[in-house]
C-alpha atoms as a PDB file:
ATOM      1  CA  MET A   1     -12.581  10.193 -23.495  1.00  0.00           C
ATOM      2  CA  HIS A   2     -11.999  10.264 -19.417  1.00  0.00           C
ATOM      3  CA  ASP A   3     -13.115  13.100 -17.776  1.00  0.00           C
ATOM      4  CA  PRO A   4      -9.929  14.525 -16.488  1.00  0.00           C
ATOM      5  CA  SER A   5     -11.678  15.890 -13.511  1.00  0.00           C
ATOM      6  CA  SER A   6     -13.709  12.580 -12.325  1.00  0.00           C
ATOM      7  CA  PRO A   7     -11.892  10.162 -10.127  1.00  0.00           C
ATOM      8  CA  THR A   8      -9.724   8.167 -11.541  1.00  0.00           C
ATOM      9  CA  GLY A   9     -11.050   4.283 -10.360  1.00  0.00           C
ATOM     10  CA  LEU A  10      -7.903   1.804  -9.997  1.00  0.00           C
ATOM     11  CA  PRO A  11      -8.172  -0.178 -12.763  1.00  0.00           C
ATOM     12  CA  ARG A  12      -7.872   2.488 -15.174  1.00  0.00           C
ATOM     13  CA  LEU A  13      -4.680   3.754 -13.509  1.00  0.00           C
ATOM     14  CA  LEU A  14      -3.433   0.470 -13.384  1.00  0.00           C
ATOM     15  CA  GLU A  15      -4.131  -0.246 -17.421  1.00  0.00           C
ATOM     16  CA  ALA A  16      -2.505   2.962 -17.543  1.00  0.00           C
ATOM     17  CA  LEU A  17       1.031   1.715 -16.294  1.00  0.00           C
ATOM     18  CA  THR A  18       3.495   1.227 -19.541  1.00  0.00           C
ATOM     19  CA  ARG A  19       6.696  -1.677 -19.545  1.00  0.00           C
ATOM     20  CA  ASP A  20       9.922  -0.975 -20.613  1.00  0.00           C
ATOM     21  CA  GLY A  21       9.655  -3.286 -23.180  1.00  0.00           C
ATOM     22  CA  ALA A  22      10.689  -7.230 -21.441  1.00  0.00           C
ATOM     23  CA  ALA A  23      12.400  -4.791 -18.663  1.00  0.00           C
ATOM     24  CA  THR A  24      10.600  -5.130 -14.926  1.00  0.00           C
ATOM     25  CA  ARG A  25      10.135  -1.372 -15.037  1.00  0.00           C
ATOM     26  CA  TRP A  26       6.411   0.429 -15.697  1.00  0.00           C
ATOM     27  CA  HIS A  27       6.022   4.380 -15.545  1.00  0.00           C
ATOM     28  CA  GLY A  28       2.922   5.649 -14.853  1.00  0.00           C
ATOM     29  CA  SER A  29       1.062   7.850 -12.374  1.00  0.00           C
ATOM     30  CA  ILE A  30      -0.625   8.582  -9.574  1.00  0.00           C
ATOM     31  CA  PRO A  31      -3.657  11.054  -9.393  1.00  0.00           C
ATOM     32  CA  ASP A  32      -4.310  14.087  -6.986  1.00  0.00           C
ATOM     33  CA  ASP A  33      -8.027  11.998  -6.080  1.00  0.00           C
ATOM     34  CA  TRP A  34      -5.494   9.200  -4.442  1.00  0.00           C
ATOM     35  CA  LEU A  35      -3.770  11.278  -2.446  1.00  0.00           C
ATOM     36  CA  GLN A  36      -3.359  10.887   1.430  1.00  0.00           C
ATOM     37  CA  GLY A  37      -2.532  14.450   2.473  1.00  0.00           C
ATOM     38  CA  ARG A  38       0.835  15.374   0.456  1.00  0.00           C
ATOM     39  CA  THR A  39       1.631  11.523  -0.474  1.00  0.00           C
ATOM     40  CA  ALA A  40      -0.385   8.257  -2.202  1.00  0.00           C
ATOM     41  CA  TYR A  41      -2.830   6.498  -0.329  1.00  0.00           C
ATOM     42  CA  GLY A  42      -0.809   3.300   0.892  1.00  0.00           C
ATOM     43  CA  GLY A  43      -3.284   0.889  -0.395  1.00  0.00           C
ATOM     44  CA  VAL A  44      -2.878   2.169  -4.071  1.00  0.00           C
ATOM     45  CA  SER A  45       1.094   2.859  -3.863  1.00  0.00           C
ATOM     46  CA  SER A  46       1.040  -0.960  -2.462  1.00  0.00           C
ATOM     47  CA  ALA A  47      -2.065  -2.132  -4.914  1.00  0.00           C
ATOM     48  CA  ILE A  48       0.133  -0.713  -8.102  1.00  0.00           C
ATOM     49  CA  ALA A  49       3.565  -2.663  -6.286  1.00  0.00           C
ATOM     50  CA  LEU A  50       1.865  -5.222  -6.063  1.00  0.00           C
ATOM     51  CA  HIS A  51       0.725  -5.340  -9.271  1.00  0.00           C
ATOM     52  CA  CYS A  52       3.518  -4.742 -11.692  1.00  0.00           C
ATOM     53  CA  ALA A  53       5.315  -7.929  -8.975  1.00  0.00           C
ATOM     54  CA  ARG A  54       2.713 -10.436 -10.437  1.00  0.00           C
ATOM     55  CA  GLN A  55       3.727  -9.797 -13.532  1.00  0.00           C
ATOM     56  CA  VAL A  56       7.747 -10.737 -13.117  1.00  0.00           C
ATOM     57  CA  GLU A  57       7.371 -14.415 -13.157  1.00  0.00           C
ATOM     58  CA  GLU A  58       4.738 -16.555 -15.180  1.00  0.00           C
ATOM     59  CA  ALA A  59       2.034 -18.819 -12.781  1.00  0.00           C
ATOM     60  CA  LEU A  60       2.846 -17.134  -9.174  1.00  0.00           C
ATOM     61  CA  PRO A  61       1.148 -19.352  -7.254  1.00  0.00           C
ATOM     62  CA  PRO A  62      -1.446 -17.186  -4.317  1.00  0.00           C
ATOM     63  CA  LEU A  63      -0.290 -14.547  -2.364  1.00  0.00           C
ATOM     64  CA  ARG A  64       0.896 -15.429   0.876  1.00  0.00           C
ATOM     65  CA  SER A  65       2.365 -12.393   3.041  1.00  0.00           C
ATOM     66  CA  ALA A  66       3.528  -8.682   1.817  1.00  0.00           C
ATOM     67  CA  GLN A  67       5.284  -6.680   3.809  1.00  0.00           C
ATOM     68  CA  ILE A  68       5.744  -3.187   2.882  1.00  0.00           C
ATOM     69  CA  ALA A  69       7.548   0.612   3.962  1.00  0.00           C
ATOM     70  CA  PHE A  70       6.082   3.645   3.275  1.00  0.00           C
ATOM     71  CA  VAL A  71       9.986   5.613   2.623  1.00  0.00           C
ATOM     72  CA  GLY A  72       9.098   8.743   1.630  1.00  0.00           C
ATOM     73  CA  PRO A  73       5.614  11.037  -0.164  1.00  0.00           C
ATOM     74  CA  LEU A  74       4.511   9.287  -3.352  1.00  0.00           C
ATOM     75  CA  ALA A  75       2.783  11.740  -6.083  1.00  0.00           C
ATOM     76  CA  GLY A  76       2.609  12.359  -9.762  1.00  0.00           C
ATOM     77  CA  ALA A  77       4.849  10.196 -11.970  1.00  0.00           C
ATOM     78  CA  ILE A  78       6.074   7.195 -10.615  1.00  0.00           C
ATOM     79  CA  THR A  79       7.965   4.325 -12.116  1.00  0.00           C
ATOM     80  CA  VAL A  80       8.422   0.731 -10.512  1.00  0.00           C
ATOM     81  CA  GLU A  81      11.115  -1.510 -10.300  1.00  0.00           C
ATOM     82  CA  ALA A  82      10.355  -5.548  -9.612  1.00  0.00           C
ATOM     83  CA  ARG A  83      12.318  -8.183  -9.595  1.00  0.00           C
ATOM     84  CA  LEU A  84      12.382 -11.369  -8.516  1.00  0.00           C
ATOM     85  CA  LEU A  85      14.397 -12.793  -5.475  1.00  0.00           C
ATOM     86  CA  ARG A  86      13.888 -16.313  -5.055  1.00  0.00           C
ATOM     87  CA  ARG A  87      11.665 -18.846  -6.627  1.00  0.00           C
ATOM     88  CA  GLY A  88      11.977 -22.212  -5.315  1.00  0.00           C
ATOM     89  CA  ARG A  89       8.832 -25.298  -5.967  1.00  0.00           C
ATOM     90  CA  ASN A  90       6.566 -23.682  -3.238  1.00  0.00           C
ATOM     91  CA  ALA A  91       7.126 -20.191  -2.547  1.00  0.00           C
ATOM     92  CA  ALA A  92       8.276 -17.451  -4.633  1.00  0.00           C
ATOM     93  CA  PHE A  93       9.580 -13.667  -3.181  1.00  0.00           C
ATOM     94  CA  VAL A  94       9.437 -11.030  -5.154  1.00  0.00           C
ATOM     95  CA  ALA A  95      11.102  -7.337  -4.654  1.00  0.00           C
ATOM     96  CA  ALA A  96       9.092  -4.573  -5.668  1.00  0.00           C
ATOM     97  CA  GLU A  97       9.586  -0.085  -5.031  1.00  0.00           C
ATOM     98  CA  VAL A  98       8.146   2.152  -5.998  1.00  0.00           C
ATOM     99  CA  SER A  99      10.075   5.905  -6.188  1.00  0.00           C
ATOM    100  CA  GLY A 100       9.002   9.242  -7.642  1.00  0.00           C
ATOM    101  CA  ALA A 101      10.185  12.827  -8.203  1.00  0.00           C
ATOM    102  CA  GLN A 102      11.570  12.731  -4.082  1.00  0.00           C
ATOM    103  CA  GLY A 103      13.224   9.235  -5.171  1.00  0.00           C
ATOM    104  CA  LEU A 104      12.166   5.557  -3.108  1.00  0.00           C
ATOM    105  CA  GLY A 105       8.629   5.905  -1.711  1.00  0.00           C
ATOM    106  CA  LEU A 106       7.110   2.377  -1.026  1.00  0.00           C
ATOM    107  CA  ARG A 107       9.344  -1.202  -0.146  1.00  0.00           C
ATOM    108  CA  CYS A 108       7.521  -3.780  -0.882  1.00  0.00           C
ATOM    109  CA  THR A 109       8.628  -7.805  -0.444  1.00  0.00           C
ATOM    110  CA  PHE A 110       5.961 -10.161  -1.688  1.00  0.00           C
ATOM    111  CA  VAL A 111       5.482 -14.113  -0.333  1.00  0.00           C
ATOM    112  CA  PHE A 112       3.314 -15.511  -2.886  1.00  0.00           C
ATOM    113  CA  MET A 113       3.195 -19.683  -1.903  1.00  0.00           C
ATOM    114  CA  ARG A 114       1.338 -22.599  -3.387  1.00  0.00           C
ATOM    115  CA  SER A 115      -0.776 -24.519  -1.046  1.00  0.00           C
ATOM    116  CA  LEU A 116       0.990 -27.326   0.977  1.00  0.00           C
ATOM    117  CA  ALA A 117      -0.927 -30.219   2.174  1.00  0.00           C
ATOM    118  CA  GLY A 118      -0.866 -30.592   6.691  1.00  0.00           C
ATOM    119  CA  ALA A 119      -2.544 -31.989   9.510  1.00  0.00           C
ATOM    120  CA  LEU A 120      -2.517 -28.786  11.130  1.00  0.00           C
ATOM    121  CA  ALA A 121      -5.999 -26.728  10.553  1.00  0.00           C
ATOM    122  CA  HIS A 122      -6.775 -24.103  13.295  1.00  0.00           C
ATOM    123  CA  GLU A 123      -8.817 -20.973  13.744  1.00  0.00           C
ATOM    124  CA  ARG A 124      -9.243 -18.610  16.675  1.00  0.00           C
ATOM    125  CA  ASP A 125     -12.969 -17.239  16.606  1.00  0.00           C
ATOM    126  CA  GLY A 126     -12.802 -13.782  15.224  1.00  0.00           C
ATOM    127  CA  GLY A 127     -15.260 -12.326  18.028  1.00  0.00           C
ATOM    128  CA  PRO A 128     -18.675 -10.624  17.621  1.00  0.00           C
ATOM    129  CA  ALA A 129     -20.524 -11.084  14.211  1.00  0.00           C
ATOM    130  CA  VAL A 130     -20.995  -8.263  11.845  1.00  0.00           C
ATOM    131  CA  GLU A 131     -24.297  -7.959   9.981  1.00  0.00           C
ATOM    132  CA  ALA A 132     -23.110  -7.682   6.339  1.00  0.00           C
ATOM    133  CA  PRO A 133     -23.744  -4.202   5.170  1.00  0.00           C
ATOM    134  CA  ALA A 134     -27.687  -4.034   4.145  1.00  0.00           C
ATOM    135  CA  PRO A 135     -30.091  -1.946   1.310  1.00  0.00           C
ATOM    136  CA  ASP A 136     -31.346   0.396   4.096  1.00  0.00           C
ATOM    137  CA  ASP A 137     -27.515   1.180   5.685  1.00  0.00           C
ATOM    138  CA  VAL A 138     -26.392   4.906   6.205  1.00  0.00           C
ATOM    139  CA  VAL A 139     -23.465   4.498   3.039  1.00  0.00           C
ATOM    140  CA  LEU A 140     -21.208   7.299   3.460  1.00  0.00           C
ATOM    141  CA  ARG A 141     -19.246   8.459   0.425  1.00  0.00           C
ATOM    142  CA  GLY A 142     -15.553   9.860   1.687  1.00  0.00           C
ATOM    143  CA  HIS A 143     -14.394  12.672   3.509  1.00  0.00           C
ATOM    144  CA  PRO A 144     -13.979  15.714   1.767  1.00  0.00           C
ATOM    145  CA  GLN A 145     -11.327  16.418   3.473  1.00  0.00           C
ATOM    146  CA  VAL A 146      -8.977  12.802   2.298  1.00  0.00           C
ATOM    147  CA  ALA A 147      -9.442  13.211  -1.515  1.00  0.00           C
ATOM    148  CA  PHE A 148      -8.438   8.759  -1.723  1.00  0.00           C
ATOM    149  CA  THR A 149     -11.524   8.116   0.072  1.00  0.00           C
ATOM    150  CA  ARG A 150     -13.955   9.097  -2.876  1.00  0.00           C
ATOM    151  CA  HIS A 151     -13.477   6.062  -4.683  1.00  0.00           C
ATOM    152  CA  PHE A 152     -14.417   3.850  -1.708  1.00  0.00           C
ATOM    153  CA  ALA A 153     -18.256   3.330  -0.495  1.00  0.00           C
ATOM    154  CA  PHE A 154     -18.177   2.945   3.594  1.00  0.00           C
ATOM    155  CA  VAL A 155     -20.316   1.332   6.277  1.00  0.00           C
ATOM    156  CA  ASP A 156     -19.511   2.442   9.851  1.00  0.00           C
ATOM    157  CA  ARG A 157     -20.068  -0.663  12.417  1.00  0.00           C
ATOM    158  CA  PRO A 158     -18.423   1.102  15.702  1.00  0.00           C
ATOM    159  CA  ASP A 159     -17.540  -0.793  18.701  1.00  0.00           C
ATOM    160  CA  ALA A 160     -18.973   0.863  21.753  1.00  0.00           C
ATOM    161  CA  ASP A 161     -16.921  -1.331  23.500  1.00  0.00           C
ATOM    162  CA  ASP A 162     -13.405  -0.484  22.220  1.00  0.00           C
ATOM    163  CA  PRO A 163     -11.970   2.501  22.220  1.00  0.00           C
ATOM    164  CA  ALA A 164      -9.181   1.961  20.483  1.00  0.00           C
ATOM    165  CA  SER A 165     -10.901   0.771  17.606  1.00  0.00           C
ATOM    166  CA  TRP A 166     -12.585   0.964  14.183  1.00  0.00           C
ATOM    167  CA  ARG A 167     -14.516  -1.275  12.144  1.00  0.00           C
ATOM    168  CA  ARG A 168     -15.959  -0.204   9.343  1.00  0.00           C
ATOM    169  CA  TRP A 169     -17.354  -2.204   5.694  1.00  0.00           C
ATOM    170  CA  ALA A 170     -15.303  -0.633   2.949  1.00  0.00           C
ATOM    171  CA  ARG A 171     -16.014  -1.458  -0.768  1.00  0.00           C
ATOM    172  CA  LEU A 172     -13.990   0.350  -3.844  1.00  0.00           C
ATOM    173  CA  GLU A 173     -16.002   2.245  -6.262  1.00  0.00           C
ATOM    174  CA  GLU A 174     -14.814   0.990  -9.274  1.00  0.00           C
ATOM    175  CA  ARG A 175     -13.238  -2.562  -9.101  1.00  0.00           C
ATOM    176  CA  ASP A 176     -14.017  -4.845 -11.865  1.00  0.00           C
ATOM    177  CA  GLY A 177     -11.158  -6.256 -13.944  1.00  0.00           C
ATOM    178  CA  LEU A 178      -8.698  -6.297 -10.684  1.00  0.00           C
ATOM    179  CA  HIS A 179      -6.862  -9.276  -9.281  1.00  0.00           C
ATOM    180  CA  PRO A 180      -8.565 -10.617  -5.894  1.00  0.00           C
ATOM    181  CA  GLU A 181      -5.222  -9.730  -4.400  1.00  0.00           C
ATOM    182  CA  VAL A 182      -5.061  -6.167  -5.594  1.00  0.00           C
ATOM    183  CA  GLU A 183      -8.504  -5.374  -4.350  1.00  0.00           C
ATOM    184  CA  LEU A 184      -7.544  -6.238  -1.227  1.00  0.00           C
ATOM    185  CA  VAL A 185      -4.720  -4.607  -0.566  1.00  0.00           C
ATOM    186  CA  ALA A 186      -6.121  -1.738  -2.126  1.00  0.00           C
ATOM    187  CA  ILE A 187      -8.967  -1.724   0.590  1.00  0.00           C
ATOM    188  CA  GLY A 188      -7.184  -3.184   3.392  1.00  0.00           C
ATOM    189  CA  ASP A 189      -4.860   0.040   4.323  1.00  0.00           C
ATOM    190  CA  CYS A 190      -8.136   2.226   4.196  1.00  0.00           C
ATOM    191  CA  LEU A 191      -9.115   2.619   7.936  1.00  0.00           C
ATOM    192  CA  PRO A 192      -8.138   6.463   9.742  1.00  0.00           C
ATOM    193  CA  PRO A 193      -5.015   5.015  12.363  1.00  0.00           C
ATOM    194  CA  ALA A 194      -7.633   3.553  15.091  1.00  0.00           C
ATOM    195  CA  ALA A 195      -5.356   5.950  18.030  1.00  0.00           C
ATOM    196  CA  LEU A 196      -7.619   8.832  16.821  1.00  0.00           C
ATOM    197  CA  ARG A 197     -10.577   6.963  18.302  1.00  0.00           C
ATOM    198  CA  LEU A 198      -8.444   7.599  21.154  1.00  0.00           C
ATOM    199  CA  LEU A 199      -7.530  11.167  21.406  1.00  0.00           C
ATOM    200  CA  GLY A 200     -10.670  12.587  20.103  1.00  0.00           C
ATOM    201  CA  MET A 201     -10.096  14.348  17.326  1.00  0.00           C
ATOM    202  CA  GLY A 202      -7.454  14.739  13.946  1.00  0.00           C
ATOM    203  CA  ALA A 203      -4.037  14.655  13.902  1.00  0.00           C
ATOM    204  CA  PRO A 204      -1.662  14.325  11.182  1.00  0.00           C
ATOM    205  CA  VAL A 205      -0.565  10.550  10.885  1.00  0.00           C
ATOM    206  CA  SER A 206       1.382   8.732   8.797  1.00  0.00           C
ATOM    207  CA  SER A 207       1.788   4.940   8.368  1.00  0.00           C
ATOM    208  CA  MET A 208       5.358   3.703   8.268  1.00  0.00           C
ATOM    209  CA  THR A 209       5.175  -0.055   7.956  1.00  0.00           C
ATOM    210  CA  TRP A 210       2.719  -2.620   7.150  1.00  0.00           C
ATOM    211  CA  THR A 211       2.584  -6.518   7.099  1.00  0.00           C
ATOM    212  CA  ILE A 212      -0.677  -8.210   5.254  1.00  0.00           C
ATOM    213  CA  ASN A 213      -0.792 -12.434   5.807  1.00  0.00           C
ATOM    214  CA  LEU A 214      -3.358 -13.708   3.694  1.00  0.00           C
ATOM    215  CA  LEU A 215      -4.631 -16.642   5.342  1.00  0.00           C
ATOM    216  CA  GLY A 216      -6.415 -18.384   2.093  1.00  0.00           C
ATOM    217  CA  ALA A 217      -6.629 -17.506  -1.706  1.00  0.00           C
ATOM    218  CA  ALA A 218      -8.229 -14.169  -2.564  1.00  0.00           C
ATOM    219  CA  THR A 219     -11.884 -14.590  -3.605  1.00  0.00           C
ATOM    220  CA  ALA A 220     -14.544 -11.713  -4.488  1.00  0.00           C
ATOM    221  CA  SER A 221     -16.612 -10.801  -1.824  1.00  0.00           C
ATOM    222  CA  ALA A 222     -20.678 -10.269  -2.256  1.00  0.00           C
ATOM    223  CA  ASP A 223     -21.267  -7.010  -3.505  1.00  0.00           C
ATOM    224  CA  GLY A 224     -17.750  -5.471  -3.265  1.00  0.00           C
ATOM    225  CA  TRP A 225     -17.899  -5.832   0.644  1.00  0.00           C
ATOM    226  CA  TRP A 226     -15.169  -5.808   3.340  1.00  0.00           C
ATOM    227  CA  LEU A 227     -14.998  -5.595   6.948  1.00  0.00           C
ATOM    228  CA  VAL A 228     -11.794  -3.733   7.901  1.00  0.00           C
ATOM    229  CA  GLU A 229     -10.865  -4.328  11.436  1.00  0.00           C
ATOM    230  CA  ALA A 230      -8.394  -2.084  13.376  1.00  0.00           C
ATOM    231  CA  VAL A 231      -7.120  -1.961  16.890  1.00  0.00           C
ATOM    232  CA  THR A 232      -4.222  -0.084  18.915  1.00  0.00           C
ATOM    233  CA  ASP A 233      -2.774  -1.810  21.492  1.00  0.00           C
ATOM    234  CA  HIS A 234       0.466   0.251  21.851  1.00  0.00           C
ATOM    235  CA  ALA A 235      -0.038   4.590  21.066  1.00  0.00           C
ATOM    236  CA  ARG A 236       3.034   6.258  23.211  1.00  0.00           C
ATOM    237  CA  ASP A 237       5.374   8.886  21.855  1.00  0.00           C
ATOM    238  CA  GLY A 238       4.222   9.632  18.742  1.00  0.00           C
ATOM    239  CA  GLY A 239       4.068   5.558  17.127  1.00  0.00           C
ATOM    240  CA  SER A 240       0.947   3.943  17.710  1.00  0.00           C
ATOM    241  CA  SER A 241       1.382  -0.152  16.959  1.00  0.00           C
ATOM    242  CA  GLN A 242      -2.294  -1.517  15.655  1.00  0.00           C
ATOM    243  CA  ARG A 243      -3.082  -5.092  14.744  1.00  0.00           C
ATOM    244  CA  MET A 244      -5.674  -5.524  12.231  1.00  0.00           C
ATOM    245  CA  ALA A 245      -8.530  -7.609   9.567  1.00  0.00           C
ATOM    246  CA  ILE A 246     -10.726  -7.984   6.735  1.00  0.00           C
ATOM    247  CA  ARG A 247     -12.870 -10.356   6.072  1.00  0.00           C
ATOM    248  CA  ASP A 248     -15.394 -11.126   3.255  1.00  0.00           C
ATOM    249  CA  ALA A 249     -19.439 -10.477   3.183  1.00  0.00           C
ATOM    250  CA  ALA A 250     -20.396 -13.718   4.836  1.00  0.00           C
ATOM    251  CA  GLY A 251     -17.900 -13.133   7.651  1.00  0.00           C
ATOM    252  CA  ARG A 252     -14.853 -15.475   6.832  1.00  0.00           C
ATOM    253  CA  ALA A 253     -11.931 -13.757   7.440  1.00  0.00           C
ATOM    254  CA  VAL A 254      -9.730 -13.502   4.896  1.00  0.00           C
ATOM    255  CA  ALA A 255      -5.875 -11.452   5.879  1.00  0.00           C
ATOM    256  CA  GLU A 256      -4.500 -10.349   9.370  1.00  0.00           C
ATOM    257  CA  GLN A 257      -2.382  -7.511   9.427  1.00  0.00           C
ATOM    258  CA  ILE A 258       0.109  -5.357  11.711  1.00  0.00           C
ATOM    259  CA  GLN A 259       0.931  -1.715  11.051  1.00  0.00           C
ATOM    260  CA  SER A 260       3.227   0.890  12.459  1.00  0.00           C
ATOM    261  CA  VAL A 261       1.740   4.047  12.772  1.00  0.00           C
ATOM    262  CA  ALA A 262       3.314   7.745  13.185  1.00  0.00           C
ATOM    263  CA  ILE A 263       0.966  10.165  15.226  1.00  0.00           C
ATOM    264  CA  PHE A 264       2.233  13.897  14.804  1.00  0.00           C
ATOM    265  CA  GLY A 265      -0.402  15.255  17.728  1.00  0.00           C
END
C-alpha cells in the first residue's frame, strides 16, 4: 500500500488515472508533492496530457512537436480531455486539455509524425561538450521550498561565461514503465527560468507558453540522465523569452524548446 506521506512518482500518478469508458476523458489527481507554488509543475501536467493524448488513436507515430499553454492553476482533482484533430498519411494532430477546480489549466496540441525519406541532413554545433554525471559528482535532491523537485536528482554544470543561462543534468527518481516521450516532457521544464540568474535572487515566476520540438524518436538515456539547458534571449516588462534544449548522456541533442515566462519581480 502506498504511504500517503511519500512522494507519488510519475508512473504511479499516470497509472491512477481513470478513463470514462471508451470516452476520451480521464480523471485523476495532482498531489501536493508535484506542485510548483500554487499550481502543478508544468512538466507533470504536460506529461499527463501527452499520456492521455497517446491513447486517443492506435499506433500513433512518434511525437514531433508540442505546443503547450499554461492557462491557469492546477492542483488536486483534475479532468483530462483529448481528441483527434486530424490524422493524415504522415501526421496526426491531437489536442488535450487539463482542467481542475478553477477551470481550464493546460491546453496542448501534440503533433505526431512518421519519419520521411529526404536528402536534407543538417545539424548545427550545439556548443561546448559537457561531461555526463560521474559517480563522484555532487547530486542535488531538489529544493525544500519547491515541492516537485523532490522527484528529481540534479547535477549542476554552470556556464560561467553566460550569466543568462542554466545548464543542469536532471533525472526522474521514478521512471520505470514511462513512455520515453512522456519522460522527456516531464524533464524538459525542470529548470528555473534562466532570467533568474540575471536577477541574482528568487522571484515569483510563471511559465506562459512552451513549445517542444523533438529531433528524432525519443529513446532512453544512460542511467536516466538528461542535460537540460535554458538561455534567456530577452527579458523586459515582466516577460522573458528563453531557448531551451535537452541532450542525452552521450551529448546528442534530442529536443529543442522555446518558452515564454512571466516574472513578477
